């Protein structure tokens, strides 16, 4: 039930579509939208008619009925100051009050900003004939299509009364949902007691319900009942009957708009009132999160009235019910969400179902990016460690523990390893790159040509070692290593496709490992040696070395 408040509204034309406020302006109330307006002007001129003979404009083409008591004795006439000054046949029962009937219509036109001389209104001047209490003064013959079900709708009307010194007209408006009658008031409209203004002794105003109805149906009827039984006084008129859609607007947003995989963002659901700022209780909806986006741990936070929010951690749906308090411009529901894979996740109107009393949102997106890992990549062509000699690393390339993509490279023409042998041209490179999807890769490569070691015991035209660490869309790091050999011979035997960590033992001389690979850093790094020789004399020789890793910033980069 609702009281009727007096407002000044600009009259509008007939409309038969639901109020769909444009999404994208959360917290900024939109004006109520008129889904139906009857101004009693369609086809009217200088000849007055009974309201039962009137048809409203297309496309609604509304027609009306009334109790017989309100269609006799100067009642139920659509009148205007443009009507003849002398009572026409329909105005004869008005006797000497025909001029007052016309004046009521003119004052209503003046109040609405229309031409008082031509404005038409439904008038009632009882002229002493008592109609009886609770009789229907106006009712739609057929329901009016309001475009959609489950809408918050309200009602407004311009009304005027004269002879306020005696019994007042008391107008009660109802919305009809099939056989269900829904009052729009707790106190009837009484312009004499609550005027917007008084013009020439006529009290006039615009009256609207202060508690909109959550209307179940998609078609609505209108019924005006006059609660005043007396024919002494009870002289009034009405115009500009309106049905207003005041359904709140839902907006979807994410904050921040971009974050790392494994972190959380806030799904922000904003319910914005219409500019009437009336209380709106009972709206509800369900949001299906896009595939890959889940509710994160943490209780939802809301400013809505009487909230009920269901958002289980790890789930893919958020269900919300609640209300807007009187005077509230908006309220919000915040739910933490997370994703295990990088990508853009979008929520649109089609993802919001089970909507009751709320307009669908536009689209909003959140992007989860791969973790920004630190690059660490190193390569060299050779190194010797012995009790009496240390050589290298030769031609080192280093990209050391940095989040900034980059590269380093080096080349030397050759090197002599004391009495242990010689190396030809050495080229190395270390790099860190970020791909189009933001995925990171650390790489290292070392190529050594024309090697001859241990008096020709180990020779090769070229050997190459490569190491790489790559993250995927979940932030996990995978590593790969490889060795490429050209004309490698060990102790006279040709080696073409060595297995990982292939080991050759030459008794009393050395242990030789080809394609040596060693994971490190909890699997986030890998070290690759093309050839690793350890002699019985304790000399350690590495030729073509590469290692690479990816590490979470703030942590020290691991070493092999």
Protein backbone atom coordinates (compact mmCIF):
# COMPACT_ATOMS: atom_id res chain seq x y z
CA UNK A 1 0.00 0.00 0.00
CA UNK A 2 1.25 3.50 -0.68
CA UNK A 3 0.39 7.09 0.00
CA UNK A 4 -0.07 9.35 -3.00
CA UNK A 5 2.41 12.19 -3.33
CA UNK A 6 1.85 15.36 -5.31
CA UNK A 7 4.38 15.97 -8.07
CA UNK A 8 4.76 18.19 -11.09
CA UNK A 9 5.28 16.05 -14.22
CA UNK A 10 5.43 16.86 -17.89
CA UNK A 11 2.72 14.89 -19.73
CA UNK A 12 3.84 12.46 -22.39
CA UNK A 13 2.30 10.52 -25.22
CA UNK A 14 1.14 6.92 -25.23
CA UNK A 15 3.90 4.32 -25.03
CA UNK A 16 3.65 0.56 -24.71
CA UNK A 17 7.21 -0.60 -24.09
CA UNK A 18 9.01 -1.39 -20.83
CA UNK A 19 11.34 1.09 -19.19
CA UNK A 20 14.81 -0.14 -20.04
CA UNK A 21 17.33 2.31 -18.65
CA UNK A 22 20.54 2.33 -20.63
CA UNK A 23 23.20 0.32 -18.79
CA UNK A 24 26.61 1.76 -18.20
CA UNK A 25 25.89 4.57 -15.72
CA UNK A 26 25.87 2.76 -12.37
CA UNK A 27 24.82 4.94 -9.46
CA UNK A 28 23.18 7.58 -11.68
CA UNK A 29 19.37 7.24 -11.53
CA UNK A 30 17.46 7.40 -14.80
CA UNK A 31 14.05 9.04 -15.05
CA UNK A 32 10.96 6.83 -14.77
CA UNK A 33 9.66 5.88 -18.18
CA UNK A 34 6.07 6.29 -19.17
CA UNK A 35 4.79 3.00 -20.55
CA UNK A 36 1.22 4.25 -20.87
CA UNK A 37 -0.29 7.74 -20.89
CA UNK A 38 -3.87 8.72 -21.56
CA UNK A 39 -4.51 12.42 -22.18
CA UNK A 40 -8.12 12.04 -23.43
CA UNK A 41 -7.29 14.08 -26.55
CA UNK A 42 -7.53 11.50 -29.32
CA UNK A 43 -10.16 12.64 -31.83
CA UNK A 44 -11.57 15.27 -29.46
CA UNK A 45 -12.75 18.68 -30.55
CA UNK A 46 -15.53 21.07 -29.55
CA UNK A 47 -18.19 18.40 -28.95
CA UNK A 48 -18.10 16.73 -25.52
CA UNK A 49 -18.66 12.97 -25.21
CA UNK A 50 -19.01 10.40 -22.47
CA UNK A 51 -15.80 8.63 -21.52
CA UNK A 52 -17.37 5.30 -22.56
CA UNK A 53 -17.50 6.60 -26.15
CA UNK A 54 -13.82 7.47 -26.23
CA UNK A 55 -10.98 5.48 -27.85
CA UNK A 56 -7.38 6.32 -27.05
CA UNK A 57 -4.62 6.67 -29.63
CA UNK A 58 -2.89 3.79 -31.40
CA UNK A 59 -1.26 1.43 -30.84
CA UNK A 60 -3.05 0.79 -27.54
CA UNK A 61 -6.50 2.05 -28.65
CA UNK A 62 -7.67 1.97 -25.05
CA UNK A 63 -11.37 2.09 -24.24
CA UNK A 64 -13.00 2.66 -20.88
CA UNK A 65 -16.05 1.79 -18.84
CA UNK A 66 -17.55 3.10 -15.58
CA UNK A 67 -20.33 2.46 -13.10
CA UNK A 68 -23.66 3.88 -14.38
CA UNK A 69 -23.75 6.29 -11.44
CA UNK A 70 -20.67 8.01 -12.85
CA UNK A 71 -22.11 8.24 -16.36
CA UNK A 72 -25.22 10.28 -15.45
CA UNK A 73 -26.04 13.60 -13.81
CA UNK A 74 -23.16 15.60 -15.28
CA UNK A 75 -20.61 12.82 -14.68
CA UNK A 76 -18.19 10.99 -17.00
CA UNK A 77 -18.02 13.77 -19.60
CA UNK A 78 -14.82 14.43 -21.53
CA UNK A 79 -15.09 18.21 -21.48
CA UNK A 80 -13.02 21.19 -22.63
CA UNK A 81 -13.23 24.97 -22.58
CA UNK A 82 -13.48 24.65 -26.34
CA UNK A 83 -16.95 23.15 -25.84
CA UNK A 84 -19.91 25.48 -26.45
CA UNK A 85 -20.59 27.88 -23.59
CA UNK A 86 -24.25 26.88 -23.63
CA UNK A 87 -24.71 23.30 -22.40
CA UNK A 88 -25.00 20.85 -25.29
CA UNK A 89 -27.41 17.91 -24.83
CA UNK A 90 -24.85 15.89 -22.90
CA UNK A 91 -24.29 18.88 -20.60
CA UNK A 92 -27.91 19.68 -19.88
CA UNK A 93 -27.88 17.72 -16.58
CA UNK A 94 -25.07 20.04 -15.46
CA UNK A 95 -27.56 22.95 -15.52
CA UNK A 96 -25.83 26.08 -14.29
CA UNK A 97 -22.59 24.26 -13.53
CA UNK A 98 -21.58 23.59 -17.14
CA UNK A 99 -19.15 26.50 -17.02
CA UNK A 100 -17.48 25.00 -13.93
CA UNK A 101 -17.17 21.65 -15.71
CA UNK A 102 -15.36 23.31 -18.60
CA UNK A 103 -13.19 25.27 -16.18
CA UNK A 104 -12.00 22.09 -14.46
CA UNK A 105 -10.66 20.83 -17.81
CA UNK A 106 -8.97 24.18 -18.48
CA UNK A 107 -7.23 24.30 -15.07
CA UNK A 108 -5.92 20.76 -15.60
CA UNK A 109 -4.50 21.85 -18.98
CA UNK A 110 -2.89 24.92 -17.41
CA UNK A 111 -1.33 22.77 -14.65
CA UNK A 112 0.14 20.34 -17.18
CA UNK A 113 1.58 23.09 -19.36
CA UNK A 114 -1.00 22.59 -22.13
CA UNK A 115 -3.37 25.08 -23.70
CA UNK A 116 -6.19 25.61 -21.16
CA UNK A 117 -8.56 26.55 -23.98
CA UNK A 118 -8.30 23.20 -25.76
CA UNK A 119 -7.31 20.69 -23.06
CA UNK A 120 -9.76 17.82 -22.49
CA UNK A 121 -10.31 15.98 -19.21
CA UNK A 122 -12.78 13.52 -17.68
CA UNK A 123 -15.08 15.54 -15.45
CA UNK A 124 -17.64 14.79 -12.74
CA UNK A 125 -20.04 17.32 -11.25
CA UNK A 126 -22.52 15.40 -9.15
CA UNK A 127 -24.99 18.29 -8.93
CA UNK A 128 -26.66 16.83 -5.85
CA UNK A 129 -27.14 13.29 -7.16
CA UNK A 130 -25.38 10.90 -4.78
CA UNK A 131 -23.43 8.24 -6.75
CA UNK A 132 -22.77 6.00 -3.74
CA UNK A 133 -19.45 4.92 -2.26
CA UNK A 134 -16.75 2.86 -3.94
CA UNK A 135 -18.16 3.10 -7.44
CA UNK A 136 -15.91 2.71 -10.47
CA UNK A 137 -15.39 6.07 -12.13
CA UNK A 138 -13.02 4.78 -14.83
CA UNK A 139 -11.71 1.36 -15.82
CA UNK A 140 -9.90 0.06 -18.87
CA UNK A 141 -11.96 -2.40 -20.90
CA UNK A 142 -8.87 -4.36 -21.99
CA UNK A 143 -5.51 -4.73 -20.27
CA UNK A 144 -2.58 -2.68 -21.52
CA UNK A 145 0.60 -4.38 -22.69
CA UNK A 146 3.57 -3.04 -20.71
CA UNK A 147 6.12 -5.07 -22.68
CA UNK A 148 7.46 -7.46 -20.05
CA UNK A 149 6.55 -9.18 -16.80
CA UNK A 150 8.13 -8.69 -13.38
CA UNK A 151 8.47 -4.93 -13.57
CA UNK A 152 8.29 -2.28 -10.88
CA UNK A 153 5.48 -0.01 -12.00
CA UNK A 154 3.69 2.90 -10.44
CA UNK A 155 0.81 5.17 -11.29
CA UNK A 156 0.28 8.92 -11.61
CA UNK A 157 -2.64 11.14 -12.50
CA UNK A 158 -3.46 14.84 -12.73
CA UNK A 159 -6.54 15.62 -10.67
CA UNK A 160 -8.53 18.75 -9.83
CA UNK A 161 -11.37 19.45 -7.35
CA UNK A 162 -13.74 22.33 -6.82
CA UNK A 163 -16.16 23.19 -4.00
CA UNK A 164 -13.61 22.12 -1.42
CA UNK A 165 -15.76 23.70 1.33
CA UNK A 166 -17.98 20.61 1.28
CA UNK A 167 -17.51 16.89 0.58
CA UNK A 168 -14.30 16.12 -1.29
CA UNK A 169 -13.83 13.63 -4.08
CA UNK A 170 -11.65 10.77 -2.84
CA UNK A 171 -10.06 8.95 -5.73
CA UNK A 172 -8.52 5.52 -5.34
CA UNK A 173 -6.51 4.09 -8.22
CA UNK A 174 -5.83 0.37 -8.61
CA UNK A 175 -3.69 -1.69 -10.97
CA UNK A 176 -5.30 -4.85 -12.33
CA UNK A 177 -3.27 -8.03 -12.89
CA UNK A 178 -5.95 -10.29 -14.33
CA UNK A 179 -8.35 -10.84 -11.44
CA UNK A 180 -5.87 -9.45 -8.89
CA UNK A 181 -6.60 -5.90 -7.77
CA UNK A 182 -3.55 -3.98 -6.49
CA UNK A 183 -4.11 -0.63 -4.70
CA UNK A 184 -1.62 2.12 -5.46
CA UNK A 185 -2.48 4.08 -2.33
CA UNK A 186 -3.07 3.92 1.40
CA UNK A 187 -4.86 7.27 1.41
CA UNK A 188 -7.06 8.26 -1.54
CA UNK A 189 -6.21 11.20 -3.78
CA UNK A 190 -7.83 14.36 -2.41
CA UNK A 191 -6.72 17.49 -4.28
CA UNK A 192 -8.64 19.68 -1.81
CA UNK A 193 -6.49 18.47 1.09
CA UNK A 194 -3.25 18.13 -0.86
CA UNK A 195 -3.15 20.57 -3.78
CA UNK A 196 -0.14 21.24 -5.97
CA UNK A 197 -1.65 24.69 -6.43
CA UNK A 198 -5.04 26.41 -6.42
CA UNK A 199 -6.28 28.18 -9.56
CA UNK A 200 -9.52 30.21 -9.39
CA UNK A 201 -10.70 28.17 -6.43
CA UNK A 202 -9.83 24.83 -8.08
CA UNK A 203 -7.28 22.61 -6.29
CA UNK A 204 -5.06 20.82 -8.77
CA UNK A 205 -1.96 18.61 -8.74
CA UNK A 206 -0.15 15.55 -10.07
CA UNK A 207 -0.34 12.54 -7.79
CA UNK A 208 1.87 9.47 -7.88
CA UNK A 209 2.26 6.43 -5.65
CA UNK A 210 5.21 6.52 -3.27
CA UNK A 211 5.61 2.70 -3.19
CA UNK A 212 5.88 1.12 -6.64
CA UNK A 213 4.40 -2.31 -7.19
CA UNK A 214 6.47 -5.30 -8.34
CA UNK A 215 3.98 -6.30 -11.01
CA UNK A 216 3.97 -9.96 -12.02
CA UNK A 217 2.16 -9.75 -15.33
CA UNK A 218 3.00 -8.16 -18.65
CA UNK A 219 -0.47 -6.63 -19.10
CA UNK A 220 -2.06 -4.21 -16.68
CA UNK A 221 -5.50 -2.70 -16.25
CA UNK A 222 -6.45 0.56 -14.51
CA UNK A 223 -9.38 1.12 -12.18
CA UNK A 224 -10.39 4.43 -10.60
CA UNK A 225 -12.80 4.18 -7.71
CA UNK A 226 -14.37 7.21 -5.99
CA UNK A 227 -14.70 6.43 -2.30
CA UNK A 228 -16.91 9.47 -1.67
CA UNK A 229 -20.62 8.51 -1.68
CA UNK A 230 -22.15 11.99 -1.48
CA UNK A 231 -23.57 14.10 -4.27
CA UNK A 232 -23.03 17.26 -2.22
CA UNK A 233 -19.65 18.47 -3.40
CA UNK A 234 -17.63 15.53 -4.76
CA UNK A 235 -16.93 17.61 -7.87
CA UNK A 236 -13.66 16.78 -9.61
CA UNK A 237 -11.88 15.95 -12.87
CA UNK A 238 -8.82 14.00 -13.91
CA UNK A 239 -6.42 13.87 -16.85
CA UNK A 240 -3.04 12.49 -17.93
CA UNK A 241 -3.41 9.01 -16.47
CA UNK A 242 0.01 7.40 -16.57
CA UNK A 243 1.65 4.06 -15.84
CA UNK A 244 5.34 4.54 -15.06
CA UNK A 245 8.02 1.87 -15.19
CA UNK A 246 10.45 2.48 -12.34
CA UNK A 247 12.39 -0.78 -12.55
CA UNK A 248 15.97 -0.50 -11.21
CA UNK A 249 18.94 -0.94 -13.55
CA UNK A 250 21.58 -3.62 -13.02
CA UNK A 251 25.16 -2.87 -14.03
CA UNK A 252 28.06 -5.33 -13.99
CA UNK A 253 31.65 -4.29 -13.43
CA UNK A 254 35.02 -5.72 -12.45
CA UNK A 255 37.75 -4.09 -10.36
CA UNK A 256 40.55 -4.05 -11.13
CA UNK A 257 40.00 -4.58 -14.82
CA UNK A 258 43.22 -6.56 -15.08
CA UNK A 259 45.07 -8.72 -12.58
CA UNK A 260 47.38 -11.72 -12.49
CA UNK A 261 46.30 -15.32 -12.71
CA UNK A 262 45.74 -16.67 -9.23
CA UNK A 263 44.91 -13.25 -7.80
CA UNK A 264 41.33 -12.03 -7.32
CA UNK A 265 39.22 -9.23 -8.75
CA UNK A 266 35.89 -7.93 -7.51
CA UNK A 267 32.70 -8.58 -9.45
CA UNK A 268 30.70 -5.43 -8.69
CA UNK A 269 26.94 -5.64 -9.21
CA UNK A 270 25.33 -2.21 -8.98
CA UNK A 271 21.55 -1.84 -8.70
CA UNK A 272 20.60 1.77 -9.54
CA UNK A 273 17.24 3.27 -8.64
CA UNK A 274 15.16 5.45 -10.92
CA UNK A 275 15.04 9.16 -10.14
CA UNK A 276 11.83 8.84 -8.14
CA UNK A 277 14.06 7.18 -5.48
CA UNK A 278 11.11 5.17 -4.16
CA UNK A 279 11.58 1.99 -2.19
CA UNK A 280 12.03 -1.06 -4.44
CA UNK A 281 11.99 -4.36 -2.60
CA UNK A 282 11.92 -7.89 -3.98
CA UNK A 283 14.16 -7.70 -7.06
CA UNK A 284 16.45 -10.65 -7.75
CA UNK A 285 18.73 -12.15 -10.40
CA UNK A 286 21.35 -14.84 -11.04
CA UNK A 287 24.72 -14.27 -12.72
CA UNK A 288 26.50 -17.12 -14.51
CA UNK A 289 30.22 -16.41 -14.56
CA UNK A 290 32.06 -17.04 -17.85
CA UNK A 291 33.83 -20.37 -18.23
CA UNK A 292 37.11 -20.33 -16.33
CA UNK A 293 36.07 -17.61 -13.88
CA UNK A 294 35.18 -18.79 -10.39
CA UNK A 295 34.07 -17.30 -7.11
CA UNK A 296 37.10 -16.75 -4.87
CA UNK A 297 37.24 -17.25 -1.12
CA UNK A 298 35.78 -14.44 0.97
CA UNK A 299 32.30 -13.36 2.00
CA UNK A 300 30.31 -11.14 -0.38
CA UNK A 301 29.91 -7.49 0.64
CA UNK A 302 26.69 -5.58 -0.03
CA UNK A 303 25.00 -2.27 0.72
CA UNK A 304 21.57 -3.41 -0.48
CA UNK A 305 18.53 -3.62 1.77
CA UNK A 306 17.39 -7.05 3.00
CA UNK A 307 20.12 -8.79 0.99
CA UNK A 308 20.39 -12.48 0.22
CA UNK A 309 23.59 -13.31 -1.69
CA UNK A 310 24.62 -16.85 -2.58
CA UNK A 311 28.15 -17.16 -3.99
CA UNK A 312 29.92 -20.35 -2.91
CA UNK A 313 33.70 -20.31 -3.26
CA UNK A 314 34.81 -22.27 -6.32
CA UNK A 315 31.38 -21.97 -7.89
CA UNK A 316 30.40 -20.35 -11.16
CA UNK A 317 27.18 -18.55 -10.20
CA UNK A 318 26.15 -15.63 -8.02
CA UNK A 319 22.51 -15.31 -6.93
CA UNK A 320 21.30 -12.03 -5.44
CA UNK A 321 18.01 -10.80 -3.97
CA UNK A 322 17.37 -7.59 -2.11
CA UNK A 323 15.91 -4.14 -2.13
CA UNK A 324 16.55 -0.43 -2.45
CA UNK A 325 15.60 1.70 0.54
CA UNK A 326 13.52 4.82 0.00
CA UNK A 327 15.83 7.66 -1.00
CA UNK A 328 18.65 5.33 -2.06
CA UNK A 329 20.21 6.10 -5.44
CA UNK A 330 21.86 2.69 -5.69
CA UNK A 331 23.33 -0.26 -3.83
CA UNK A 332 26.12 -2.70 -4.62
CA UNK A 333 27.06 -6.33 -4.20
CA UNK A 334 30.76 -7.23 -4.40
CA UNK A 335 31.97 -10.81 -4.89
CA UNK A 336 35.61 -11.84 -5.29
CA UNK A 337 36.38 -13.87 -8.41
CA UNK A 338 39.51 -15.52 -9.72
CA UNK A 339 40.83 -17.42 -12.75
CA UNK A 340 43.47 -20.11 -13.08
CA UNK A 341 44.18 -19.32 -16.74
CA UNK A 342 45.08 -16.09 -18.47
CA UNK A 343 42.42 -14.55 -20.69
CA UNK A 344 39.63 -12.00 -20.95
CA UNK A 345 36.39 -12.95 -19.20
CA UNK A 346 33.19 -11.14 -20.15
CA UNK A 347 29.78 -10.95 -18.51
CA UNK A 348 26.81 -9.69 -20.57
CA UNK A 349 23.02 -9.54 -20.35
CA UNK A 350 22.63 -13.12 -21.57
CA UNK A 351 24.60 -14.29 -18.54
CA UNK A 352 22.04 -12.81 -16.14
CA UNK A 353 18.97 -15.01 -15.72
CA UNK A 354 16.00 -15.31 -13.39
CA UNK A 355 15.61 -11.53 -13.44
CA UNK A 356 12.74 -10.24 -11.32
CA UNK A 357 12.16 -6.51 -11.05
CA UNK A 358 15.46 -5.48 -12.59
CA UNK A 359 16.78 -4.39 -16.00
CA UNK A 360 19.49 -6.40 -17.74
CA UNK A 361 23.05 -5.02 -17.71
CA UNK A 362 25.45 -4.24 -20.49
CA UNK A 363 28.77 -6.07 -20.80
CA UNK A 364 31.81 -5.89 -18.56
CA UNK A 365 35.16 -7.68 -18.80
CA UNK A 366 38.06 -8.59 -16.58
CA UNK A 367 41.44 -9.73 -17.85
CA UNK A 368 43.65 -12.17 -16.01
CA UNK A 369 47.22 -11.93 -17.23
CA UNK A 370 50.04 -14.43 -16.75
CA UNK A 371 52.21 -13.76 -13.69
CA UNK A 372 55.03 -11.34 -14.41
CA UNK A 373 57.92 -13.71 -13.82
CA UNK A 374 61.60 -12.75 -13.67
CA UNK A 375 63.80 -13.83 -16.58
CA UNK A 376 67.13 -15.49 -15.82
CA UNK A 377 69.18 -16.85 -18.75
CA UNK A 378 72.90 -17.53 -19.18
CA UNK A 379 75.18 -19.17 -21.76
CA UNK A 380 78.89 -19.63 -22.40
CA UNK A 381 81.04 -21.54 -24.87
CA UNK A 382 83.31 -23.28 -22.42
CA UNK A 383 84.81 -23.40 -18.97
CA UNK A 384 87.65 -25.28 -17.34
CA UNK A 385 88.17 -25.88 -13.66
CA UNK A 386 91.27 -27.70 -12.47
CA UNK A 387 93.52 -27.70 -9.41
CA UNK A 388 96.07 -25.47 -11.11
CA UNK A 389 94.04 -23.79 -13.84
CA UNK A 390 90.68 -22.04 -14.33
CA UNK A 391 89.54 -20.83 -17.73
CA UNK A 392 86.30 -19.07 -18.69
CA UNK A 393 83.46 -18.87 -18.91
CA UNK A 394 84.17 -18.08 -22.56
CA UNK A 395 81.97 -15.65 -24.53
CA UNK A 396 79.39 -15.37 -21.75
CA UNK A 397 75.89 -14.00 -22.38
CA UNK A 398 73.81 -13.08 -19.34
CA UNK A 399 70.28 -11.82 -18.67
CA UNK A 400 70.24 -11.82 -14.90
CA UNK A 401 67.06 -12.08 -12.81
CA UNK A 402 65.01 -9.24 -14.33
CA UNK A 403 61.35 -8.70 -15.13
CA UNK A 404 62.32 -6.56 -18.13
CA UNK A 405 62.50 -8.39 -21.46
CA UNK A 406 65.87 -8.16 -23.17
CA UNK A 407 68.81 -10.06 -24.61
CA UNK A 408 72.58 -10.40 -24.48
CA UNK A 409 74.98 -12.06 -26.92
CA UNK A 410 78.67 -12.66 -27.40
CA UNK A 411 81.06 -14.05 -30.02
CA UNK A 412 84.75 -14.92 -29.94
CA UNK A 413 86.93 -16.28 -32.72
CA UNK A 414 88.32 -19.16 -30.70
CA UNK A 415 90.10 -20.16 -27.52
CA UNK A 416 92.99 -22.35 -26.36
CA UNK A 417 92.38 -24.37 -23.22
CA UNK A 418 96.01 -24.58 -22.14
CA UNK A 419 97.25 -28.13 -22.78
CA UNK A 420 93.70 -29.52 -22.78
CA UNK A 421 92.80 -28.57 -26.33
CA UNK A 422 91.21 -25.80 -28.39
CA UNK A 423 87.85 -24.37 -29.43
CA UNK A 424 86.89 -22.56 -32.62
CA UNK A 425 84.30 -19.80 -33.05
CA UNK A 426 81.96 -19.46 -30.08
CA UNK A 427 78.58 -17.66 -30.23
CA UNK A 428 76.18 -17.32 -27.30
CA UNK A 429 72.86 -15.63 -26.62
CA UNK A 430 70.60 -15.18 -23.57
CA UNK A 431 67.14 -13.63 -23.88
CA UNK A 432 63.81 -12.98 -22.18
CA UNK A 433 60.72 -12.35 -24.31
CA UNK A 434 57.02 -11.76 -23.75
CA UNK A 435 54.64 -13.21 -26.33
CA UNK A 436 51.44 -11.64 -27.69
CA UNK A 437 49.36 -13.25 -24.91
CA UNK A 438 51.77 -11.98 -22.26
CA UNK A 439 53.39 -15.38 -21.75
CA UNK A 440 57.08 -15.23 -20.85
CA UNK A 441 60.03 -17.30 -22.09
CA UNK A 442 63.66 -17.27 -20.96
CA UNK A 443 66.14 -18.80 -23.41
CA UNK A 444 69.86 -19.44 -23.59
CA UNK A 445 71.97 -20.86 -26.42
CA UNK A 446 75.69 -21.66 -26.86
CA UNK A 447 77.33 -22.84 -30.09
CA UNK A 448 80.96 -23.93 -30.27
CA UNK A 449 82.77 -24.90 -33.49
CA UNK A 450 85.86 -26.97 -34.25
CA UNK A 451 86.64 -28.37 -30.84
CA UNK A 452 89.50 -30.76 -30.11
CA UNK A 453 90.07 -31.89 -26.55
CA UNK A 454 92.39 -34.25 -24.68
CA UNK A 455 94.72 -34.80 -27.57
CA UNK A 456 91.93 -35.50 -30.06
CA UNK A 457 90.08 -37.88 -27.77
CA UNK A 458 86.98 -35.65 -28.21
CA UNK A 459 86.41 -33.78 -31.50
CA UNK A 460 83.42 -32.14 -33.26
CA UNK A 461 82.68 -29.83 -36.13
CA UNK A 462 80.05 -28.03 -34.02
CA UNK A 463 78.09 -28.55 -30.84
CA UNK A 464 75.14 -26.52 -29.61
CA UNK A 465 73.27 -26.43 -26.28
CA UNK A 466 69.88 -24.76 -25.79
CA UNK A 467 67.76 -24.21 -22.64
CA UNK A 468 64.34 -22.61 -22.30
CA UNK A 469 61.81 -21.92 -19.52
CA UNK A 470 58.26 -21.02 -20.63
CA UNK A 471 55.12 -20.16 -18.70
CA UNK A 472 51.63 -21.21 -19.78
CA UNK A 473 48.30 -19.43 -19.32
CA UNK A 474 48.00 -20.73 -15.77
CA UNK A 475 51.38 -19.32 -14.75
CA UNK A 476 53.01 -22.77 -14.60
CA UNK A 477 56.59 -23.00 -15.89
CA UNK A 478 57.80 -25.77 -18.17
CA UNK A 479 61.42 -26.27 -19.24
CA UNK A 480 63.04 -27.76 -22.31
CA UNK A 481 66.63 -28.50 -23.27
CA UNK A 482 68.34 -29.75 -26.40
CA UNK A 483 71.74 -30.52 -27.82
CA UNK A 484 72.72 -30.52 -31.51
CA UNK A 485 75.92 -32.28 -32.59
CA UNK A 486 77.82 -32.19 -35.88
CA UNK A 487 80.53 -34.80 -36.47
CA UNK A 488 81.11 -35.52 -32.81
CA UNK A 489 83.61 -38.32 -32.09
CA UNK A 490 84.58 -39.67 -28.70
CA UNK A 491 87.51 -42.05 -28.51
CA UNK A 492 87.07 -42.66 -32.22
CA UNK A 493 83.33 -43.45 -32.06
CA UNK A 494 80.82 -41.18 -33.85
CA UNK A 495 77.99 -39.88 -31.67
CA UNK A 496 74.89 -38.74 -33.57
CA UNK A 497 71.74 -38.87 -31.44
CA UNK A 498 72.77 -39.08 -27.82
CA UNK A 499 70.25 -39.83 -25.14
CA UNK A 500 69.83 -37.41 -22.24
CA UNK A 501 72.81 -37.65 -19.91
CA UNK A 502 74.50 -40.23 -22.16
CA UNK A 503 77.69 -41.22 -20.34
CA UNK A 504 80.91 -42.66 -21.80
CA UNK A 505 83.61 -43.89 -19.41
CA UNK A 506 87.20 -44.16 -20.73
CA UNK A 507 89.11 -46.14 -18.14
CA UNK A 508 92.00 -44.33 -16.49
CA UNK A 509 91.28 -41.24 -18.61
CA UNK A 510 87.90 -39.52 -18.16
CA UNK A 511 84.18 -39.67 -17.70
CA UNK A 512 82.31 -37.93 -20.56
CA UNK A 513 78.61 -36.92 -20.36
CA UNK A 514 76.90 -35.85 -23.59
CA UNK A 515 73.57 -33.98 -23.64
CA UNK A 516 73.71 -33.37 -19.92
CA UNK A 517 70.52 -31.88 -18.52
CA UNK A 518 69.89 -30.84 -14.93
CA UNK A 519 66.59 -29.37 -13.67
CA UNK A 520 66.78 -26.85 -10.84
CA UNK A 521 64.68 -24.23 -9.05
CA UNK A 522 61.85 -26.66 -8.23
CA UNK A 523 61.44 -27.44 -11.91
CA UNK A 524 61.34 -23.81 -13.06
CA UNK A 525 64.83 -23.90 -14.52
CA UNK A 526 67.01 -26.22 -16.58
CA UNK A 527 70.77 -26.38 -17.26
CA UNK A 528 72.16 -28.00 -20.41
CA UNK A 529 75.79 -28.94 -21.14
CA UNK A 530 76.54 -30.22 -24.64
CA UNK A 531 79.67 -31.96 -23.34
CA UNK A 532 80.87 -32.35 -19.77
CA UNK A 533 84.25 -34.04 -19.21
CA UNK A 534 85.70 -35.01 -15.85
CA UNK A 535 89.22 -36.45 -15.98
CA UNK A 536 90.76 -38.81 -13.49
CA UNK A 537 93.16 -35.96 -12.67
CA UNK A 538 90.26 -33.84 -11.38
CA UNK A 539 89.97 -31.55 -14.39
CA UNK A 540 86.41 -30.41 -15.18
CA UNK A 541 85.67 -29.26 -18.74
CA UNK A 542 82.30 -27.97 -20.00
CA UNK A 543 81.70 -27.06 -23.64
CA UNK A 544 78.55 -25.22 -24.81
CA UNK A 545 76.56 -24.50 -21.67
CA UNK A 546 73.08 -22.90 -21.37
CA UNK A 547 70.66 -22.49 -18.46
CA UNK A 548 67.37 -20.63 -18.12
CA UNK A 549 64.62 -20.15 -15.52
CA UNK A 550 61.51 -18.11 -14.70
CA UNK A 551 60.94 -16.99 -11.12
CA UNK A 552 58.29 -15.11 -9.18
CA UNK A 553 59.47 -11.51 -8.59
CA UNK A 554 60.72 -10.85 -5.09
CA UNK A 555 62.29 -14.27 -4.85
CA UNK A 556 65.97 -14.90 -5.63
CA UNK A 557 66.55 -16.51 -8.98
CA UNK A 558 67.80 -20.09 -8.54
CA UNK A 559 71.14 -21.31 -9.80
CA UNK A 560 71.93 -24.77 -11.18
